Amino acid sequence: MHNLGFALDGAWQVLLAGLVLGAGLPIIFALGIRSLAWGAGEASVTGSGVTAPGPRRPIGTVIGYFLFAIVILGVVLGITFIVAGGFGYKLDFSHFFPALVEK
């Protein structure tokens, strides 16, 4: 009976990691693109052509760059996790900042 508990414990961890890394980072990236477009102002298409963009929104640009920074941080942590395992280290999250410790 304990084996079933261990299997379910591992399964929810894999599911959570898959959702965060498999769908979460692309969603954050897409929101960053959308935020940059919103920050640049909206252009509209009419019968006579394309009108000039509206007023710029600097907060959209700031939010977009912040979301891109989150995506880059996730990619760097993923690469660090893979490379650290090859060198005999593991990525430890026992404190707020991740650290490399020997296995």
N, C-alpha and C. Protein backbone atom coordinates (compact mmCIF):
# COMPACT_ATOMS: atom_id res chain seq x y z
N MET A 1 0.82 -1.20 0.00
CA MET A 1 0.00 0.00 0.00
C MET A 1 0.86 1.26 0.00
N HIS A 2 2.03 1.16 0.63
CA HIS A 2 2.92 2.32 0.65
C HIS A 2 3.48 2.63 -0.74
N ASN A 3 3.64 1.58 -1.56
CA ASN A 3 4.16 1.81 -2.91
C ASN A 3 3.21 2.68 -3.73
N LEU A 4 1.92 2.50 -3.55
CA LEU A 4 0.95 3.32 -4.26
C LEU A 4 1.08 4.79 -3.83
N GLY A 5 1.27 5.01 -2.55
CA GLY A 5 1.46 6.38 -2.05
C GLY A 5 2.71 7.02 -2.62
N PHE A 6 3.82 6.24 -2.70
CA PHE A 6 5.05 6.76 -3.29
C PHE A 6 4.86 7.07 -4.77
N ALA A 7 4.15 6.21 -5.47
CA ALA A 7 3.92 6.43 -6.90
C ALA A 7 3.07 7.68 -7.14
N LEU A 8 2.02 7.86 -6.34
CA LEU A 8 1.17 9.05 -6.49
C LEU A 8 1.92 10.31 -6.10
N ASP A 9 2.80 10.20 -5.10
CA ASP A 9 3.59 11.37 -4.69
C ASP A 9 4.51 11.80 -5.83
N GLY A 10 5.17 10.85 -6.46
CA GLY A 10 6.03 11.17 -7.59
C GLY A 10 5.24 11.65 -8.80
N ALA A 11 4.05 11.10 -8.99
CA ALA A 11 3.25 11.47 -10.16
C ALA A 11 2.79 12.91 -10.09
N TRP A 12 2.38 13.40 -8.91
CA TRP A 12 1.91 14.78 -8.85
C TRP A 12 3.08 15.74 -9.01
N GLN A 13 4.29 15.34 -8.56
CA GLN A 13 5.45 16.20 -8.75
C GLN A 13 5.81 16.32 -10.23
N VAL A 14 5.73 15.21 -10.95
CA VAL A 14 6.00 15.24 -12.39
C VAL A 14 4.93 16.06 -13.12
N LEU A 15 3.69 15.90 -12.71
CA LEU A 15 2.60 16.66 -13.32
C LEU A 15 2.77 18.16 -13.09
N LEU A 16 3.13 18.53 -11.88
CA LEU A 16 3.34 19.95 -11.56
C LEU A 16 4.51 20.53 -12.36
N ALA A 17 5.62 19.80 -12.43
CA ALA A 17 6.76 20.28 -13.21
C ALA A 17 6.42 20.38 -14.69
N GLY A 18 5.65 19.43 -15.19
CA GLY A 18 5.25 19.48 -16.60
C GLY A 18 4.35 20.67 -16.90
N LEU A 19 3.44 20.98 -15.98
CA LEU A 19 2.57 22.14 -16.19
C LEU A 19 3.34 23.44 -16.13
N VAL A 20 4.23 23.55 -15.15
CA VAL A 20 4.98 24.81 -14.99
C VAL A 20 5.94 25.01 -16.14
N LEU A 21 6.73 24.00 -16.46
CA LEU A 21 7.75 24.16 -17.49
C LEU A 21 7.22 23.90 -18.89
N GLY A 22 6.29 22.98 -19.02
CA GLY A 22 5.78 22.64 -20.34
C GLY A 22 4.79 23.64 -20.87
N ALA A 23 3.92 24.16 -20.02
CA ALA A 23 2.91 25.11 -20.47
C ALA A 23 3.10 26.49 -19.85
N GLY A 24 3.68 26.55 -18.68
CA GLY A 24 3.80 27.82 -17.97
C GLY A 24 4.74 28.81 -18.64
N LEU A 25 5.94 28.36 -18.99
CA LEU A 25 6.89 29.29 -19.62
C LEU A 25 6.42 29.79 -20.98
N PRO A 26 5.86 28.95 -21.86
CA PRO A 26 5.32 29.49 -23.11
C PRO A 26 4.17 30.47 -22.90
N ILE A 27 3.34 30.23 -21.88
CA ILE A 27 2.26 31.17 -21.59
C ILE A 27 2.82 32.51 -21.13
N ILE A 28 3.82 32.47 -20.26
CA ILE A 28 4.44 33.71 -19.79
C ILE A 28 5.10 34.45 -20.95
N PHE A 29 5.75 33.71 -21.86
CA PHE A 29 6.36 34.33 -23.04
C PHE A 29 5.29 34.99 -23.91
N ALA A 30 4.18 34.30 -24.14
CA ALA A 30 3.11 34.86 -24.95
C ALA A 30 2.51 36.10 -24.30
N LEU A 31 2.37 36.10 -22.98
CA LEU A 31 1.87 37.29 -22.29
C LEU A 31 2.87 38.45 -22.41
N GLY A 32 4.16 38.14 -22.43
CA GLY A 32 5.18 39.17 -22.63
C GLY A 32 5.08 39.81 -24.00
N ILE A 33 4.87 38.99 -25.03
CA ILE A 33 4.69 39.52 -26.39
C ILE A 33 3.44 40.39 -26.46
N ARG A 34 2.37 39.90 -25.85
CA ARG A 34 1.11 40.66 -25.86
C ARG A 34 1.26 41.98 -25.11
N SER A 35 2.00 41.96 -24.01
CA SER A 35 2.22 43.17 -23.24
C SER A 35 3.06 44.19 -24.00
N LEU A 36 4.07 43.72 -24.74
CA LEU A 36 4.86 44.64 -25.56
C LEU A 36 4.02 45.27 -26.66
N ALA A 37 3.14 44.48 -27.27
CA ALA A 37 2.26 45.02 -28.31
C ALA A 37 1.31 46.05 -27.72
N TRP A 38 0.77 45.77 -26.54
CA TRP A 38 -0.12 46.73 -25.88
C TRP A 38 0.64 48.00 -25.51
N GLY A 39 1.89 47.85 -25.08
CA GLY A 39 2.70 49.01 -24.70
C GLY A 39 3.08 49.89 -25.87
N ALA A 40 3.16 49.32 -27.07
CA ALA A 40 3.54 50.09 -28.25
C ALA A 40 2.40 50.91 -28.81
N GLY A 41 1.19 50.67 -28.37
CA GLY A 41 0.04 51.38 -28.92
C GLY A 41 -0.60 50.55 -30.02
N GLU A 42 -1.84 50.82 -30.28
CA GLU A 42 -2.58 50.00 -31.24
C GLU A 42 -2.75 50.76 -32.55
N ALA A 43 -2.44 50.06 -33.63
CA ALA A 43 -2.70 50.59 -34.95
C ALA A 43 -3.98 49.94 -35.46
N SER A 44 -4.72 50.65 -36.27
CA SER A 44 -5.95 50.07 -36.79
C SER A 44 -5.94 50.12 -38.31
N VAL A 45 -6.64 49.17 -38.90
CA VAL A 45 -6.73 49.08 -40.35
C VAL A 45 -8.10 49.56 -40.78
N THR A 46 -8.13 50.51 -41.69
CA THR A 46 -9.38 51.02 -42.21
C THR A 46 -9.43 50.73 -43.71
N GLY A 47 -10.48 51.16 -44.34
CA GLY A 47 -10.62 50.97 -45.78
C GLY A 47 -9.59 51.76 -46.57
N SER A 48 -9.12 52.87 -46.01
CA SER A 48 -8.16 53.70 -46.73
C SER A 48 -6.72 53.37 -46.37
N GLY A 49 -6.49 52.46 -45.44
CA GLY A 49 -5.13 52.10 -45.08
C GLY A 49 -4.98 51.88 -43.58
N VAL A 50 -3.76 51.92 -43.14
CA VAL A 50 -3.44 51.69 -41.74
C VAL A 50 -3.25 53.03 -41.06
N THR A 51 -3.91 53.22 -39.93
CA THR A 51 -3.74 54.46 -39.18
C THR A 51 -2.53 54.36 -38.26
N ALA A 52 -2.06 55.49 -37.82
CA ALA A 52 -0.90 55.53 -36.93
C ALA A 52 -1.24 54.91 -35.58
N PRO A 53 -0.25 54.36 -34.91
CA PRO A 53 -0.52 53.79 -33.59
C PRO A 53 -0.98 54.85 -32.60
N GLY A 54 -1.71 54.40 -31.62
CA GLY A 54 -2.19 55.29 -30.58
C GLY A 54 -1.09 55.64 -29.60
N PRO A 55 -1.45 56.18 -28.47
CA PRO A 55 -0.43 56.58 -27.50
C PRO A 55 0.31 55.37 -26.93
N ARG A 56 1.59 55.56 -26.69
CA ARG A 56 2.40 54.49 -26.11
C ARG A 56 2.06 54.31 -24.64
N ARG A 57 2.20 53.09 -24.17
CA ARG A 57 1.95 52.77 -22.76
C ARG A 57 3.23 52.15 -22.20
N PRO A 58 4.04 52.94 -21.49
CA PRO A 58 5.32 52.42 -21.00
C PRO A 58 5.18 51.27 -20.01
N ILE A 59 4.08 51.21 -19.28
CA ILE A 59 3.90 50.14 -18.32
C ILE A 59 3.79 48.79 -19.02
N GLY A 60 3.24 48.77 -20.22
CA GLY A 60 3.16 47.53 -20.99
C GLY A 60 4.54 47.03 -21.38
N THR A 61 5.42 47.93 -21.74
CA THR A 61 6.78 47.56 -22.10
C THR A 61 7.52 47.02 -20.88
N VAL A 62 7.35 47.66 -19.74
CA VAL A 62 8.01 47.22 -18.50
C VAL A 62 7.51 45.83 -18.11
N ILE A 63 6.21 45.61 -18.18
CA ILE A 63 5.65 44.31 -17.83
C ILE A 63 6.15 43.24 -18.80
N GLY A 64 6.24 43.58 -20.08
CA GLY A 64 6.73 42.63 -21.07
C GLY A 64 8.17 42.20 -20.80
N TYR A 65 9.04 43.16 -20.51
CA TYR A 65 10.43 42.83 -20.19
C TYR A 65 10.53 42.03 -18.90
N PHE A 66 9.69 42.32 -17.92
CA PHE A 66 9.68 41.56 -16.67
C PHE A 66 9.28 40.11 -16.93
N LEU A 67 8.28 39.89 -17.77
CA LEU A 67 7.85 38.53 -18.10
C LEU A 67 8.93 37.78 -18.88
N PHE A 68 9.63 38.47 -19.77
CA PHE A 68 10.74 37.84 -20.48
C PHE A 68 11.86 37.46 -19.52
N ALA A 69 12.11 38.28 -18.51
CA ALA A 69 13.14 37.96 -17.51
C ALA A 69 12.78 36.70 -16.75
N ILE A 70 11.50 36.51 -16.45
CA ILE A 70 11.06 35.29 -15.77
C ILE A 70 11.31 34.07 -16.65
N VAL A 71 11.02 34.19 -17.95
CA VAL A 71 11.24 33.07 -18.86
C VAL A 71 12.74 32.75 -18.96
N ILE A 72 13.57 33.77 -19.07
CA ILE A 72 15.02 33.55 -19.15
C ILE A 72 15.53 32.91 -17.87
N LEU A 73 15.03 33.34 -16.72
CA LEU A 73 15.43 32.74 -15.45
C LEU A 73 15.05 31.26 -15.41
N GLY A 74 13.86 30.92 -15.88
CA GLY A 74 13.44 29.52 -15.91
C GLY A 74 14.33 28.67 -16.82
N VAL A 75 14.71 29.21 -17.97
CA VAL A 75 15.57 28.48 -18.89
C VAL A 75 16.96 28.30 -18.29
N VAL A 76 17.50 29.34 -17.67
CA VAL A 76 18.83 29.25 -17.05
C VAL A 76 18.82 28.25 -15.90
N LEU A 77 17.78 28.26 -15.08
CA LEU A 77 17.70 27.29 -13.99
C LEU A 77 17.58 25.86 -14.53
N GLY A 78 16.86 25.68 -15.62
CA GLY A 78 16.74 24.35 -16.22
C GLY A 78 18.07 23.84 -16.76
N ILE A 79 18.80 24.70 -17.44
CA ILE A 79 20.11 24.31 -17.96
C ILE A 79 21.07 24.04 -16.80
N THR A 80 21.01 24.87 -15.75
CA THR A 80 21.86 24.66 -14.58
C THR A 80 21.55 23.32 -13.92
N PHE A 81 20.28 22.96 -13.83
CA PHE A 81 19.89 21.69 -13.25
C PHE A 81 20.47 20.52 -14.04
N ILE A 82 20.41 20.59 -15.36
CA ILE A 82 20.91 19.51 -16.20
C ILE A 82 22.43 19.41 -16.12
N VAL A 83 23.12 20.54 -16.22
CA VAL A 83 24.59 20.54 -16.21
C VAL A 83 25.11 20.15 -14.83
N ALA A 84 24.47 20.62 -13.76
CA ALA A 84 24.93 20.30 -12.41
C ALA A 84 24.86 18.80 -12.16
N GLY A 85 23.84 18.13 -12.67
CA GLY A 85 23.73 16.69 -12.51
C GLY A 85 24.88 15.95 -13.17
N GLY A 86 25.37 16.46 -14.27
CA GLY A 86 26.50 15.84 -14.96
C GLY A 86 27.81 15.99 -14.22
N PHE A 87 27.93 17.03 -13.41
CA PHE A 87 29.16 17.27 -12.67
C PHE A 87 29.09 16.76 -11.23
N GLY A 88 28.03 16.06 -10.88
CA GLY A 88 27.93 15.51 -9.53
C GLY A 88 27.36 16.47 -8.50
N TYR A 89 26.68 17.50 -8.95
CA TYR A 89 26.04 18.45 -8.04
C TYR A 89 24.53 18.36 -8.20
N LYS A 90 23.83 18.97 -7.29
CA LYS A 90 22.39 19.09 -7.45
C LYS A 90 21.98 20.52 -7.11
N LEU A 91 20.89 20.94 -7.65
CA LEU A 91 20.36 22.28 -7.42
C LEU A 91 19.50 22.23 -6.17
N ASP A 92 19.87 23.01 -5.16
CA ASP A 92 19.19 22.97 -3.88
C ASP A 92 18.38 24.25 -3.68
N PHE A 93 17.11 24.10 -3.35
CA PHE A 93 16.22 25.23 -3.13
C PHE A 93 15.83 25.34 -1.66
N SER A 94 16.71 24.91 -0.74
CA SER A 94 16.35 24.95 0.68
C SER A 94 16.30 26.39 1.20
N HIS A 95 17.03 27.29 0.59
CA HIS A 95 16.96 28.72 0.93
C HIS A 95 16.21 29.43 -0.19
N PHE A 96 16.07 30.71 -0.10
CA PHE A 96 15.32 31.44 -1.12
C PHE A 96 16.02 31.37 -2.48
N PHE A 97 17.35 31.50 -2.48
CA PHE A 97 18.11 31.46 -3.72
C PHE A 97 18.58 30.04 -3.99
N PRO A 98 18.56 29.59 -5.24
CA PRO A 98 19.06 28.24 -5.54
C PRO A 98 20.57 28.19 -5.38
N ALA A 99 21.05 27.03 -4.93
CA ALA A 99 22.49 26.84 -4.73
C ALA A 99 22.87 25.46 -5.24
N LEU A 100 24.12 25.32 -5.67
CA LEU A 100 24.64 24.03 -6.10
C LEU A 100 25.33 23.37 -4.92
N VAL A 101 24.93 22.15 -4.60
CA VAL A 101 25.54 21.38 -3.52
C VAL A 101 25.93 20.01 -4.07
N GLU A 102 26.94 19.38 -3.44
CA GLU A 102 27.36 18.06 -3.89
C GLU A 102 26.31 17.04 -3.54
N LYS A 103 26.21 16.02 -4.40
CA LYS A 103 25.22 14.97 -4.18
C LYS A 103 25.61 14.11 -3.00
